[in-house]
Amino acid sequence: MNDKFKIARYIKDFIIILDDYLVNYPKKYFELRNRLVNDSYELLELVYLANYMDNLDRKNIQIKSLMKINIIDFYIEESYKKRIISEKQSIKLSNNLLIINKMIYKWVQDEKC
């Protein structure tokens, strides 16, 4: 995992942490779990896609990435409300998402200059 693209590295770390927390996810909430995992991987795909695009085309993908972060955060919140993950786990995941969100937002802001 020697990735020089810091945003991607943080997302990969988030996915690894998330996988550890979702091992004992109840079958009853299987769809919520799948969405959480799939959207996390889609976030990584969007960030890599934006990285390889021209500056003019990149902004839409970056905005989609920010939107995906908000959706993932909602899934984490729902998992906590349903007592699937603990408060400590929820806070850790949300804090990691906040860091990723700030990095992508700063990336968008830097390209406006």
PDB file of N, CA and C in Angstrom:
ATOM      1  N   MET A   1       0.815  -1.178   0.000  1.00  0.00           N
ATOM      2  CA  MET A   1       0.000   0.000   0.000  1.00  0.00           C
ATOM      3  C   MET A   1       0.865   1.250   0.000  1.00  0.00           C
ATOM      4  N   ASN A   2       1.898   1.254  -0.775  1.00  0.00           N
ATOM      5  CA  ASN A   2       2.776   2.404  -0.879  1.00  0.00           C
ATOM      6  C   ASN A   2       2.252   3.333  -1.964  1.00  0.00           C
ATOM      7  N   ASP A   3       1.152   4.019  -1.665  1.00  0.00           N
ATOM      8  CA  ASP A   3       0.471   4.867  -2.620  1.00  0.00           C
ATOM      9  C   ASP A   3       0.838   6.319  -2.347  1.00  0.00           C
ATOM     10  N   LYS A   4       1.337   7.031  -3.348  1.00  0.00           N
ATOM     11  CA  LYS A   4       1.718   8.426  -3.167  1.00  0.00           C
ATOM     12  C   LYS A   4       0.511   9.359  -3.225  1.00  0.00           C
ATOM     13  N   PHE A   5      -0.587   8.892  -3.735  1.00  0.00           N
ATOM     14  CA  PHE A   5      -1.815   9.671  -3.813  1.00  0.00           C
ATOM     15  C   PHE A   5      -2.498   9.574  -2.453  1.00  0.00           C
ATOM     16  N   LYS A   6      -2.328  10.613  -1.623  1.00  0.00           N
ATOM     17  CA  LYS A   6      -2.743  10.552  -0.222  1.00  0.00           C
ATOM     18  C   LYS A   6      -4.233  10.299  -0.033  1.00  0.00           C
ATOM     19  N   ILE A   7      -5.064  10.915  -0.848  1.00  0.00           N
ATOM     20  CA  ILE A   7      -6.506  10.720  -0.689  1.00  0.00           C
ATOM     21  C   ILE A   7      -6.854   9.254  -0.883  1.00  0.00           C
ATOM     22  N   ALA A   8      -6.291   8.638  -1.896  1.00  0.00           N
ATOM     23  CA  ALA A   8      -6.555   7.219  -2.159  1.00  0.00           C
ATOM     24  C   ALA A   8      -6.046   6.358  -1.001  1.00  0.00           C
ATOM     25  N   ARG A   9      -4.897   6.711  -0.453  1.00  0.00           N
ATOM     26  CA  ARG A   9      -4.351   5.946   0.668  1.00  0.00           C
ATOM     27  C   ARG A   9      -5.285   6.016   1.875  1.00  0.00           C
ATOM     28  N   TYR A  10      -5.821   7.205   2.163  1.00  0.00           N
ATOM     29  CA  TYR A  10      -6.753   7.349   3.277  1.00  0.00           C
ATOM     30  C   TYR A  10      -8.039   6.562   3.030  1.00  0.00           C
ATOM     31  N   ILE A  11      -8.511   6.561   1.800  1.00  0.00           N
ATOM     32  CA  ILE A  11      -9.723   5.798   1.483  1.00  0.00           C
ATOM     33  C   ILE A  11      -9.460   4.300   1.642  1.00  0.00           C
ATOM     34  N   LYS A  12      -8.315   3.842   1.190  1.00  0.00           N
ATOM     35  CA  LYS A  12      -7.968   2.424   1.352  1.00  0.00           C
ATOM     36  C   LYS A  12      -7.906   2.049   2.832  1.00  0.00           C
ATOM     37  N   ASP A  13      -7.302   2.907   3.641  1.00  0.00           N
ATOM     38  CA  ASP A  13      -7.249   2.654   5.084  1.00  0.00           C
ATOM     39  C   ASP A  13      -8.650   2.610   5.683  1.00  0.00           C
ATOM     40  N   PHE A  14      -9.514   3.521   5.217  1.00  0.00           N
ATOM     41  CA  PHE A  14     -10.906   3.539   5.682  1.00  0.00           C
ATOM     42  C   PHE A  14     -11.606   2.225   5.344  1.00  0.00           C
ATOM     43  N   ILE A  15     -11.405   1.732   4.126  1.00  0.00           N
ATOM     44  CA  ILE A  15     -12.042   0.480   3.697  1.00  0.00           C
ATOM     45  C   ILE A  15     -11.563  -0.694   4.546  1.00  0.00           C
ATOM     46  N   ILE A  16     -10.289  -0.724   4.862  1.00  0.00           N
ATOM     47  CA  ILE A  16      -9.738  -1.803   5.687  1.00  0.00           C
ATOM     48  C   ILE A  16     -10.347  -1.772   7.088  1.00  0.00           C
ATOM     49  N   ILE A  17     -10.442  -0.583   7.670  1.00  0.00           N
ATOM     50  CA  ILE A  17     -11.057  -0.440   8.994  1.00  0.00           C
ATOM     51  C   ILE A  17     -12.526  -0.840   8.935  1.00  0.00           C
ATOM     52  N   LEU A  18     -13.201  -0.386   7.907  1.00  0.00           N
ATOM     53  CA  LEU A  18     -14.619  -0.702   7.732  1.00  0.00           C
ATOM     54  C   LEU A  18     -14.839  -2.204   7.630  1.00  0.00           C
ATOM     55  N   ASP A  19     -14.014  -2.885   6.857  1.00  0.00           N
ATOM     56  CA  ASP A  19     -14.140  -4.337   6.720  1.00  0.00           C
ATOM     57  C   ASP A  19     -14.006  -5.050   8.058  1.00  0.00           C
ATOM     58  N   ASP A  20     -13.113  -4.558   8.907  1.00  0.00           N
ATOM     59  CA  ASP A  20     -12.945  -5.162  10.230  1.00  0.00           C
ATOM     60  C   ASP A  20     -14.204  -5.001  11.085  1.00  0.00           C
ATOM     61  N   TYR A  21     -14.867  -3.864  10.954  1.00  0.00           N
ATOM     62  CA  TYR A  21     -16.060  -3.596  11.759  1.00  0.00           C
ATOM     63  C   TYR A  21     -17.291  -4.332  11.249  1.00  0.00           C
ATOM     64  N   LEU A  22     -17.304  -4.672   9.982  1.00  0.00           N
ATOM     65  CA  LEU A  22     -18.506  -5.250   9.383  1.00  0.00           C
ATOM     66  C   LEU A  22     -18.514  -6.773   9.340  1.00  0.00           C
ATOM     67  N   VAL A  23     -17.588  -7.391   9.998  1.00  0.00           N
ATOM     68  CA  VAL A  23     -17.490  -8.852   9.987  1.00  0.00           C
ATOM     69  C   VAL A  23     -18.749  -9.493  10.560  1.00  0.00           C
ATOM     70  N   ASN A  24     -19.258  -8.969  11.639  1.00  0.00           N
ATOM     71  CA  ASN A  24     -20.412  -9.567  12.322  1.00  0.00           C
ATOM     72  C   ASN A  24     -21.710  -8.812  12.040  1.00  0.00           C
ATOM     73  N   TYR A  25     -21.830  -8.273  10.871  1.00  0.00           N
ATOM     74  CA  TYR A  25     -23.033  -7.528  10.497  1.00  0.00           C
ATOM     75  C   TYR A  25     -24.205  -8.509  10.361  1.00  0.00           C
ATOM     76  N   PRO A  26     -25.345  -8.222  10.986  1.00  0.00           N
ATOM     77  CA  PRO A  26     -26.484  -9.155  10.926  1.00  0.00           C
ATOM     78  C   PRO A  26     -27.044  -9.315   9.507  1.00  0.00           C
ATOM     79  N   LYS A  27     -27.532 -10.505   9.222  1.00  0.00           N
ATOM     80  CA  LYS A  27     -28.125 -10.766   7.901  1.00  0.00           C
ATOM     81  C   LYS A  27     -29.353  -9.896   7.666  1.00  0.00           C
ATOM     82  N   LYS A  28     -30.000  -9.522   8.722  1.00  0.00           N
ATOM     83  CA  LYS A  28     -31.195  -8.692   8.633  1.00  0.00           C
ATOM     84  C   LYS A  28     -30.906  -7.356   7.933  1.00  0.00           C
ATOM     85  N   TYR A  29     -29.689  -6.839   8.115  1.00  0.00           N
ATOM     86  CA  TYR A  29     -29.304  -5.554   7.522  1.00  0.00           C
ATOM     87  C   TYR A  29     -28.254  -5.740   6.432  1.00  0.00           C
ATOM     88  N   PHE A  30     -28.375  -6.829   5.725  1.00  0.00           N
ATOM     89  CA  PHE A  30     -27.398  -7.169   4.683  1.00  0.00           C
ATOM     90  C   PHE A  30     -27.322  -6.101   3.592  1.00  0.00           C
ATOM     91  N   GLU A  31     -28.475  -5.522   3.229  1.00  0.00           N
ATOM     92  CA  GLU A  31     -28.493  -4.500   2.174  1.00  0.00           C
ATOM     93  C   GLU A  31     -27.740  -3.243   2.616  1.00  0.00           C
ATOM     94  N   LEU A  32     -27.918  -2.841   3.845  1.00  0.00           N
ATOM     95  CA  LEU A  32     -27.198  -1.686   4.386  1.00  0.00           C
ATOM     96  C   LEU A  32     -25.695  -1.930   4.365  1.00  0.00           C
ATOM     97  N   ARG A  33     -25.299  -3.127   4.762  1.00  0.00           N
ATOM     98  CA  ARG A  33     -23.879  -3.491   4.751  1.00  0.00           C
ATOM     99  C   ARG A  33     -23.323  -3.449   3.333  1.00  0.00           C
ATOM    100  N   ASN A  34     -24.058  -4.034   2.394  1.00  0.00           N
ATOM    101  CA  ASN A  34     -23.590  -4.053   1.004  1.00  0.00           C
ATOM    102  C   ASN A  34     -23.440  -2.649   0.435  1.00  0.00           C
ATOM    103  N   ARG A  35     -24.401  -1.802   0.729  1.00  0.00           N
ATOM    104  CA  ARG A  35     -24.322  -0.423   0.236  1.00  0.00           C
ATOM    105  C   ARG A  35     -23.124   0.302   0.842  1.00  0.00           C
ATOM    106  N   LEU A  36     -22.889   0.085   2.097  1.00  0.00           N
ATOM    107  CA  LEU A  36     -21.759   0.708   2.778  1.00  0.00           C
ATOM    108  C   LEU A  36     -20.436   0.286   2.144  1.00  0.00           C
ATOM    109  N   VAL A  37     -20.286  -0.991   1.906  1.00  0.00           N
ATOM    110  CA  VAL A  37     -19.064  -1.512   1.306  1.00  0.00           C
ATOM    111  C   VAL A  37     -18.930  -1.061  -0.152  1.00  0.00           C
ATOM    112  N   ASN A  38     -19.996  -1.227  -0.924  1.00  0.00           N
ATOM    113  CA  ASN A  38     -19.935  -0.876  -2.344  1.00  0.00           C
ATOM    114  C   ASN A  38     -19.683   0.606  -2.563  1.00  0.00           C
ATOM    115  N   ASP A  39     -20.332   1.456  -1.786  1.00  0.00           N
ATOM    116  CA  ASP A  39     -20.117   2.889  -1.944  1.00  0.00           C
ATOM    117  C   ASP A  39     -18.712   3.302  -1.522  1.00  0.00           C
ATOM    118  N   SER A  40     -18.131   2.603  -0.577  1.00  0.00           N
ATOM    119  CA  SER A  40     -16.748   2.883  -0.182  1.00  0.00           C
ATOM    120  C   SER A  40     -15.785   2.573  -1.332  1.00  0.00           C
ATOM    121  N   TYR A  41     -16.009   1.447  -1.991  1.00  0.00           N
ATOM    122  CA  TYR A  41     -15.177   1.110  -3.147  1.00  0.00           C
ATOM    123  C   TYR A  41     -15.434   2.056  -4.319  1.00  0.00           C
ATOM    124  N   GLU A  42     -16.677   2.469  -4.491  1.00  0.00           N
ATOM    125  CA  GLU A  42     -16.996   3.429  -5.553  1.00  0.00           C
ATOM    126  C   GLU A  42     -16.321   4.773  -5.287  1.00  0.00           C
ATOM    127  N   LEU A  43     -16.219   5.154  -4.021  1.00  0.00           N
ATOM    128  CA  LEU A  43     -15.517   6.390  -3.667  1.00  0.00           C
ATOM    129  C   LEU A  43     -14.056   6.315  -4.102  1.00  0.00           C
ATOM    130  N   LEU A  44     -13.430   5.189  -3.851  1.00  0.00           N
ATOM    131  CA  LEU A  44     -12.046   5.003  -4.278  1.00  0.00           C
ATOM    132  C   LEU A  44     -11.934   5.086  -5.798  1.00  0.00           C
ATOM    133  N   GLU A  45     -12.859   4.462  -6.507  1.00  0.00           N
ATOM    134  CA  GLU A  45     -12.866   4.525  -7.971  1.00  0.00           C
ATOM    135  C   GLU A  45     -13.032   5.959  -8.469  1.00  0.00           C
ATOM    136  N   LEU A  46     -13.946   6.702  -7.870  1.00  0.00           N
ATOM    137  CA  LEU A  46     -14.182   8.086  -8.293  1.00  0.00           C
ATOM    138  C   LEU A  46     -12.950   8.965  -8.085  1.00  0.00           C
ATOM    139  N   VAL A  47     -12.270   8.765  -6.974  1.00  0.00           N
ATOM    140  CA  VAL A  47     -11.084   9.569  -6.691  1.00  0.00           C
ATOM    141  C   VAL A  47      -9.980   9.256  -7.690  1.00  0.00           C
ATOM    142  N   TYR A  48      -9.783   7.981  -7.997  1.00  0.00           N
ATOM    143  CA  TYR A  48      -8.777   7.634  -9.007  1.00  0.00           C
ATOM    144  C   TYR A  48      -9.167   8.173 -10.379  1.00  0.00           C
ATOM    145  N   LEU A  49     -10.441   8.080 -10.719  1.00  0.00           N
ATOM    146  CA  LEU A  49     -10.910   8.603 -12.000  1.00  0.00           C
ATOM    147  C   LEU A  49     -10.659  10.104 -12.093  1.00  0.00           C
ATOM    148  N   ALA A  50     -10.996  10.836 -11.040  1.00  0.00           N
ATOM    149  CA  ALA A  50     -10.777  12.281 -11.031  1.00  0.00           C
ATOM    150  C   ALA A  50      -9.293  12.608 -11.149  1.00  0.00           C
ATOM    151  N   ASN A  51      -8.460  11.806 -10.552  1.00  0.00           N
ATOM    152  CA  ASN A  51      -7.018  12.051 -10.591  1.00  0.00           C
ATOM    153  C   ASN A  51      -6.462  11.939 -12.007  1.00  0.00           C
ATOM    154  N   TYR A  52      -7.047  11.083 -12.809  1.00  0.00           N
ATOM    155  CA  TYR A  52      -6.536  10.867 -14.166  1.00  0.00           C
ATOM    156  C   TYR A  52      -7.209  11.747 -15.215  1.00  0.00           C
ATOM    157  N   MET A  53      -8.172  12.570 -14.813  1.00  0.00           N
ATOM    158  CA  MET A  53      -8.883  13.414 -15.774  1.00  0.00           C
ATOM    159  C   MET A  53      -8.223  14.787 -15.873  1.00  0.00           C
ATOM    160  N   ASP A  54      -8.576  15.499 -16.940  1.00  0.00           N
ATOM    161  CA  ASP A  54      -8.121  16.873 -17.092  1.00  0.00           C
ATOM    162  C   ASP A  54      -8.782  17.737 -16.028  1.00  0.00           C
ATOM    163  N   ASN A  55      -8.157  18.867 -15.730  1.00  0.00           N
ATOM    164  CA  ASN A  55      -8.690  19.764 -14.705  1.00  0.00           C
ATOM    165  C   ASN A  55     -10.110  20.228 -15.016  1.00  0.00           C
ATOM    166  N   LEU A  56     -10.430  20.401 -16.286  1.00  0.00           N
ATOM    167  CA  LEU A  56     -11.756  20.892 -16.650  1.00  0.00           C
ATOM    168  C   LEU A  56     -12.850  19.862 -16.382  1.00  0.00           C
ATOM    169  N   ASP A  57     -12.544  18.601 -16.574  1.00  0.00           N
ATOM    170  CA  ASP A  57     -13.533  17.534 -16.403  1.00  0.00           C
ATOM    171  C   ASP A  57     -13.555  16.967 -14.984  1.00  0.00           C
ATOM    172  N   ARG A  58     -12.555  17.285 -14.216  1.00  0.00           N
ATOM    173  CA  ARG A  58     -12.349  16.671 -12.915  1.00  0.00           C
ATOM    174  C   ARG A  58     -13.378  17.095 -11.869  1.00  0.00           C
ATOM    175  N   LYS A  59     -13.850  18.331 -11.929  1.00  0.00           N
ATOM    176  CA  LYS A  59     -14.685  18.876 -10.861  1.00  0.00           C
ATOM    177  C   LYS A  59     -15.966  18.073 -10.634  1.00  0.00           C
ATOM    178  N   ASN A  60     -16.637  17.645 -11.689  1.00  0.00           N
ATOM    179  CA  ASN A  60     -17.871  16.869 -11.525  1.00  0.00           C
ATOM    180  C   ASN A  60     -17.626  15.568 -10.775  1.00  0.00           C
ATOM    181  N   ILE A  61     -16.527  14.915 -11.080  1.00  0.00           N
ATOM    182  CA  ILE A  61     -16.186  13.657 -10.396  1.00  0.00           C
ATOM    183  C   ILE A  61     -15.850  13.934  -8.931  1.00  0.00           C
ATOM    184  N   GLN A  62     -15.151  15.028  -8.672  1.00  0.00           N
ATOM    185  CA  GLN A  62     -14.826  15.383  -7.292  1.00  0.00           C
ATOM    186  C   GLN A  62     -16.098  15.667  -6.488  1.00  0.00           C
ATOM    187  N   ILE A  63     -17.046  16.342  -7.101  1.00  0.00           N
ATOM    188  CA  ILE A  63     -18.319  16.629  -6.430  1.00  0.00           C
ATOM    189  C   ILE A  63     -19.068  15.327  -6.147  1.00  0.00           C
ATOM    190  N   LYS A  64     -19.047  14.391  -7.102  1.00  0.00           N
ATOM    191  CA  LYS A  64     -19.665  13.081  -6.867  1.00  0.00           C
ATOM    192  C   LYS A  64     -18.983  12.366  -5.700  1.00  0.00           C
ATOM    193  N   SER A  65     -17.675  12.525  -5.582  1.00  0.00           N
ATOM    194  CA  SER A  65     -16.938  11.915  -4.474  1.00  0.00           C
ATOM    195  C   SER A  65     -17.390  12.493  -3.139  1.00  0.00           C
ATOM    196  N   LEU A  66     -17.570  13.799  -3.092  1.00  0.00           N
ATOM    197  CA  LEU A  66     -18.053  14.435  -1.860  1.00  0.00           C
ATOM    198  C   LEU A  66     -19.460  13.948  -1.508  1.00  0.00           C
ATOM    199  N   MET A  67     -20.292  13.793  -2.527  1.00  0.00           N
ATOM    200  CA  MET A  67     -21.639  13.279  -2.312  1.00  0.00           C
ATOM    201  C   MET A  67     -21.589  11.843  -1.779  1.00  0.00           C
ATOM    202  N   LYS A  68     -20.700  11.047  -2.328  1.00  0.00           N
ATOM    203  CA  LYS A  68     -20.564   9.649  -1.903  1.00  0.00           C
ATOM    204  C   LYS A  68     -20.127   9.575  -0.439  1.00  0.00           C
ATOM    205  N   ILE A  69     -19.280  10.493  -0.019  1.00  0.00           N
ATOM    206  CA  ILE A  69     -18.838  10.533   1.377  1.00  0.00           C
ATOM    207  C   ILE A  69     -20.028  10.795   2.295  1.00  0.00           C
ATOM    208  N   ASN A  70     -20.890  11.715   1.906  1.00  0.00           N
ATOM    209  CA  ASN A  70     -22.072  12.012   2.723  1.00  0.00           C
ATOM    210  C   ASN A  70     -23.004  10.804   2.824  1.00  0.00           C
ATOM    211  N   ILE A  71     -23.135  10.068   1.744  1.00  0.00           N
ATOM    212  CA  ILE A  71     -23.975   8.867   1.764  1.00  0.00           C
ATOM    213  C   ILE A  71     -23.368   7.802   2.677  1.00  0.00           C
ATOM    214  N   ILE A  72     -22.061   7.594   2.575  1.00  0.00           N
ATOM    215  CA  ILE A  72     -21.381   6.610   3.429  1.00  0.00           C
ATOM    216  C   ILE A  72     -21.537   6.995   4.898  1.00  0.00           C
ATOM    217  N   ASP A  73     -21.414   8.280   5.185  1.00  0.00           N
ATOM    218  CA  ASP A  73     -21.584   8.752   6.556  1.00  0.00           C
ATOM    219  C   ASP A  73     -22.997   8.461   7.061  1.00  0.00           C
ATOM    220  N   PHE A  74     -23.980   8.620   6.192  1.00  0.00           N
ATOM    221  CA  PHE A  74     -25.363   8.284   6.563  1.00  0.00           C
ATOM    222  C   PHE A  74     -25.485   6.793   6.891  1.00  0.00           C
ATOM    223  N   TYR A  75     -24.868   5.948   6.096  1.00  0.00           N
ATOM    224  CA  TYR A  75     -24.916   4.501   6.357  1.00  0.00           C
ATOM    225  C   TYR A  75     -24.265   4.166   7.698  1.00  0.00           C
ATOM    226  N   ILE A  76     -23.188   4.845   8.010  1.00  0.00           N
ATOM    227  CA  ILE A  76     -22.524   4.626   9.299  1.00  0.00           C
ATOM    228  C   ILE A  76     -23.441   5.055  10.437  1.00  0.00           C
ATOM    229  N   GLU A  77     -24.087   6.196  10.262  1.00  0.00           N
ATOM    230  CA  GLU A  77     -25.031   6.691  11.266  1.00  0.00           C
ATOM    231  C   GLU A  77     -26.184   5.708  11.468  1.00  0.00           C
ATOM    232  N   GLU A  78     -26.709   5.173  10.389  1.00  0.00           N
ATOM    233  CA  GLU A  78     -27.788   4.190  10.483  1.00  0.00           C
ATOM    234  C   GLU A  78     -27.311   2.910  11.169  1.00  0.00           C
ATOM    235  N   SER A  79     -26.113   2.496  10.875  1.00  0.00           N
ATOM    236  CA  SER A  79     -25.559   1.295  11.517  1.00  0.00           C
ATOM    237  C   SER A  79     -25.428   1.503  13.014  1.00  0.00           C
ATOM    238  N   TYR A  80     -25.042   2.701  13.396  1.00  0.00           N
ATOM    239  CA  TYR A  80     -24.954   3.000  14.830  1.00  0.00           C
ATOM    240  C   TYR A  80     -26.342   3.025  15.474  1.00  0.00           C
ATOM    241  N   LYS A  81     -27.301   3.670  14.811  1.00  0.00           N
ATOM    242  CA  LYS A  81     -28.661   3.750  15.358  1.00  0.00           C
ATOM    243  C   LYS A  81     -29.291   2.367  15.514  1.00  0.00           C
ATOM    244  N   LYS A  82     -28.949   1.455  14.633  1.00  0.00           N
ATOM    245  CA  LYS A  82     -29.478   0.098  14.697  1.00  0.00           C
ATOM    246  C   LYS A  82     -28.635  -0.790  15.619  1.00  0.00           C
ATOM    247  N   ARG A  83     -27.660  -0.185  16.289  1.00  0.00           N
ATOM    248  CA  ARG A  83     -26.772  -0.865  17.250  1.00  0.00           C
ATOM    249  C   ARG A  83     -25.966  -1.998  16.621  1.00  0.00           C
ATOM    250  N   ILE A  84     -25.598  -1.795  15.380  1.00  0.00           N
ATOM    251  CA  ILE A  84     -24.774  -2.791  14.691  1.00  0.00           C
ATOM    252  C   ILE A  84     -23.300  -2.518  14.967  1.00  0.00           C
ATOM    253  N   ILE A  85     -22.949  -1.246  15.003  1.00  0.00           N
ATOM    254  CA  ILE A  85     -21.590  -0.856  15.369  1.00  0.00           C
ATOM    255  C   ILE A  85     -21.669   0.004  16.629  1.00  0.00           C
ATOM    256  N   SER A  86     -20.581   0.060  17.356  1.00  0.00           N
ATOM    257  CA  SER A  86     -20.560   0.820  18.600  1.00  0.00           C
ATOM    258  C   SER A  86     -20.364   2.310  18.320  1.00  0.00           C
ATOM    259  N   GLU A  87     -20.563   3.094  19.352  1.00  0.00           N
ATOM    260  CA  GLU A  87     -20.362   4.540  19.217  1.00  0.00           C
ATOM    261  C   GLU A  87     -18.903   4.846  18.893  1.00  0.00           C
ATOM    262  N   LYS A  88     -18.001   4.146  19.530  1.00  0.00           N
ATOM    263  CA  LYS A  88     -16.569   4.347  19.295  1.00  0.00           C
ATOM    264  C   LYS A  88     -16.212   4.032  17.835  1.00  0.00           C
ATOM    265  N   GLN A  89     -16.744   2.941  17.315  1.00  0.00           N
ATOM    266  CA  GLN A  89     -16.499   2.581  15.916  1.00  0.00           C
ATOM    267  C   GLN A  89     -17.098   3.614  14.977  1.00  0.00           C
ATOM    268  N   SER A  90     -18.297   4.059  15.300  1.00  0.00           N
ATOM    269  CA  SER A  90     -18.971   5.066  14.485  1.00  0.00           C
ATOM    270  C   SER A  90     -18.165   6.360  14.435  1.00  0.00           C
ATOM    271  N   ILE A  91     -17.677   6.790  15.571  1.00  0.00           N
ATOM    272  CA  ILE A  91     -16.888   8.019  15.631  1.00  0.00           C
ATOM    273  C   ILE A  91     -15.596   7.873  14.848  1.00  0.00           C
ATOM    274  N   LYS A  92     -14.937   6.738  14.990  1.00  0.00           N
ATOM    275  CA  LYS A  92     -13.683   6.525  14.262  1.00  0.00           C
ATOM    276  C   LYS A  92     -13.911   6.548  12.753  1.00  0.00           C
ATOM    277  N   LEU A  93     -14.937   5.860  12.284  1.00  0.00           N
ATOM    278  CA  LEU A  93     -15.232   5.846  10.846  1.00  0.00           C
ATOM    279  C   LEU A  93     -15.619   7.236  10.349  1.00  0.00           C
ATOM    280  N   SER A  94     -16.436   7.933  11.117  1.00  0.00           N
ATOM    281  CA  SER A  94     -16.862   9.277  10.713  1.00  0.00           C
ATOM    282  C   SER A  94     -15.697  10.255  10.692  1.00  0.00           C
ATOM    283  N   ASN A  95     -14.789  10.129  11.648  1.00  0.00           N
ATOM    284  CA  ASN A  95     -13.609  10.994  11.654  1.00  0.00           C
ATOM    285  C   ASN A  95     -12.708  10.728  10.452  1.00  0.00           C
ATOM    286  N   ASN A  96     -12.571   9.471  10.098  1.00  0.00           N
ATOM    287  CA  ASN A  96     -11.779   9.143   8.901  1.00  0.00           C
ATOM    288  C   ASN A  96     -12.436   9.717   7.649  1.00  0.00           C
ATOM    289  N   LEU A  97     -13.762   9.616   7.585  1.00  0.00           N
ATOM    290  CA  LEU A  97     -14.480  10.200   6.449  1.00  0.00           C
ATOM    291  C   LEU A  97     -14.341  11.714   6.418  1.00  0.00           C
ATOM    292  N   LEU A  98     -14.327  12.334   7.572  1.00  0.00           N
ATOM    293  CA  LEU A  98     -14.172  13.784   7.642  1.00  0.00           C
ATOM    294  C   LEU A  98     -12.821  14.212   7.081  1.00  0.00           C
ATOM    295  N   ILE A  99     -11.784  13.478   7.401  1.00  0.00           N
ATOM    296  CA  ILE A  99     -10.450  13.779   6.865  1.00  0.00           C
ATOM    297  C   ILE A  99     -10.457  13.659   5.345  1.00  0.00           C
ATOM    298  N   ILE A 100     -11.057  12.592   4.834  1.00  0.00           N
ATOM    299  CA  ILE A 100     -11.134  12.389   3.378  1.00  0.00           C
ATOM    300  C   ILE A 100     -11.944  13.505   2.741  1.00  0.00           C
ATOM    301  N   ASN A 101     -13.049  13.873   3.367  1.00  0.00           N
ATOM    302  CA  ASN A 101     -13.903  14.942   2.871  1.00  0.00           C
ATOM    303  C   ASN A 101     -13.124  16.259   2.772  1.00  0.00           C
ATOM    304  N   LYS A 102     -12.376  16.587   3.807  1.00  0.00           N
ATOM    305  CA  LYS A 102     -11.580  17.817   3.808  1.00  0.00           C
ATOM    306  C   LYS A 102     -10.521  17.791   2.709  1.00  0.00           C
ATOM    307  N   MET A 103      -9.907  16.643   2.521  1.00  0.00           N
ATOM    308  CA  MET A 103      -8.865  16.530   1.491  1.00  0.00           C
ATOM    309  C   MET A 103      -9.447  16.742   0.092  1.00  0.00           C
ATOM    310  N   ILE A 104     -10.580  16.130  -0.175  1.00  0.00           N
ATOM    311  CA  ILE A 104     -11.201  16.278  -1.493  1.00  0.00           C
ATOM    312  C   ILE A 104     -11.704  17.708  -1.680  1.00  0.00           C
ATOM    313  N   TYR A 105     -12.292  18.275  -0.640  1.00  0.00           N
ATOM    314  CA  TYR A 105     -12.778  19.652  -0.736  1.00  0.00           C
ATOM    315  C   TYR A 105     -11.618  20.611  -1.012  1.00  0.00           C
ATOM    316  N   LYS A 106     -10.500  20.413  -0.346  1.00  0.00           N
ATOM    317  CA  LYS A 106      -9.313  21.244  -0.574  1.00  0.00           C
ATOM    318  C   LYS A 106      -8.789  21.047  -1.994  1.00  0.00           C
ATOM    319  N   TRP A 107      -8.848  19.832  -2.484  1.00  0.00           N
ATOM    320  CA  TRP A 107      -8.428  19.515  -3.850  1.00  0.00           C
ATOM    321  C   TRP A 107      -9.273  20.311  -4.850  1.00  0.00           C
ATOM    322  N   VAL A 108     -10.580  20.367  -4.615  1.00  0.00           N
ATOM    323  CA  VAL A 108     -11.471  21.132  -5.477  1.00  0.00           C
ATOM    324  C   VAL A 108     -11.136  22.621  -5.387  1.00  0.00           C
ATOM    325  N   GLN A 109     -10.924  23.120  -4.179  1.00  0.00           N
ATOM    326  CA  GLN A 109     -10.626  24.539  -3.987  1.00  0.00           C
ATOM    327  C   GLN A 109      -9.300  24.942  -4.627  1.00  0.00           C
ATOM    328  N   ASP A 110      -8.300  24.091  -4.566  1.00  0.00           N
ATOM    329  CA  ASP A 110      -6.989  24.406  -5.138  1.00  0.00           C
ATOM    330  C   ASP A 110      -7.044  24.541  -6.658  1.00  0.00           C
ATOM    331  N   GLU A 111      -7.966  23.851  -7.281  1.00  0.00           N
ATOM    332  CA  GLU A 111      -8.042  23.914  -8.737  1.00  0.00           C
ATOM    333  C   GLU A 111      -8.820  25.120  -9.235  1.00  0.00           C
ATOM    334  N   LYS A 112      -9.494  25.824  -8.335  1.00  0.00           N
ATOM    335  CA  LYS A 112     -10.216  27.038  -8.740  1.00  0.00           C
ATOM    336  C   LYS A 112      -9.258  28.186  -9.003  1.00  0.00           C
ATOM    337  N   CYS A 113      -8.096  28.135  -8.372  1.00  0.00           N
ATOM    338  CA  CYS A 113      -7.109  29.217  -8.508  1.00  0.00           C
ATOM    339  C   CYS A 113      -6.496  29.262  -9.899  1.00  0.00           C
TER     340      CYS A 113
END
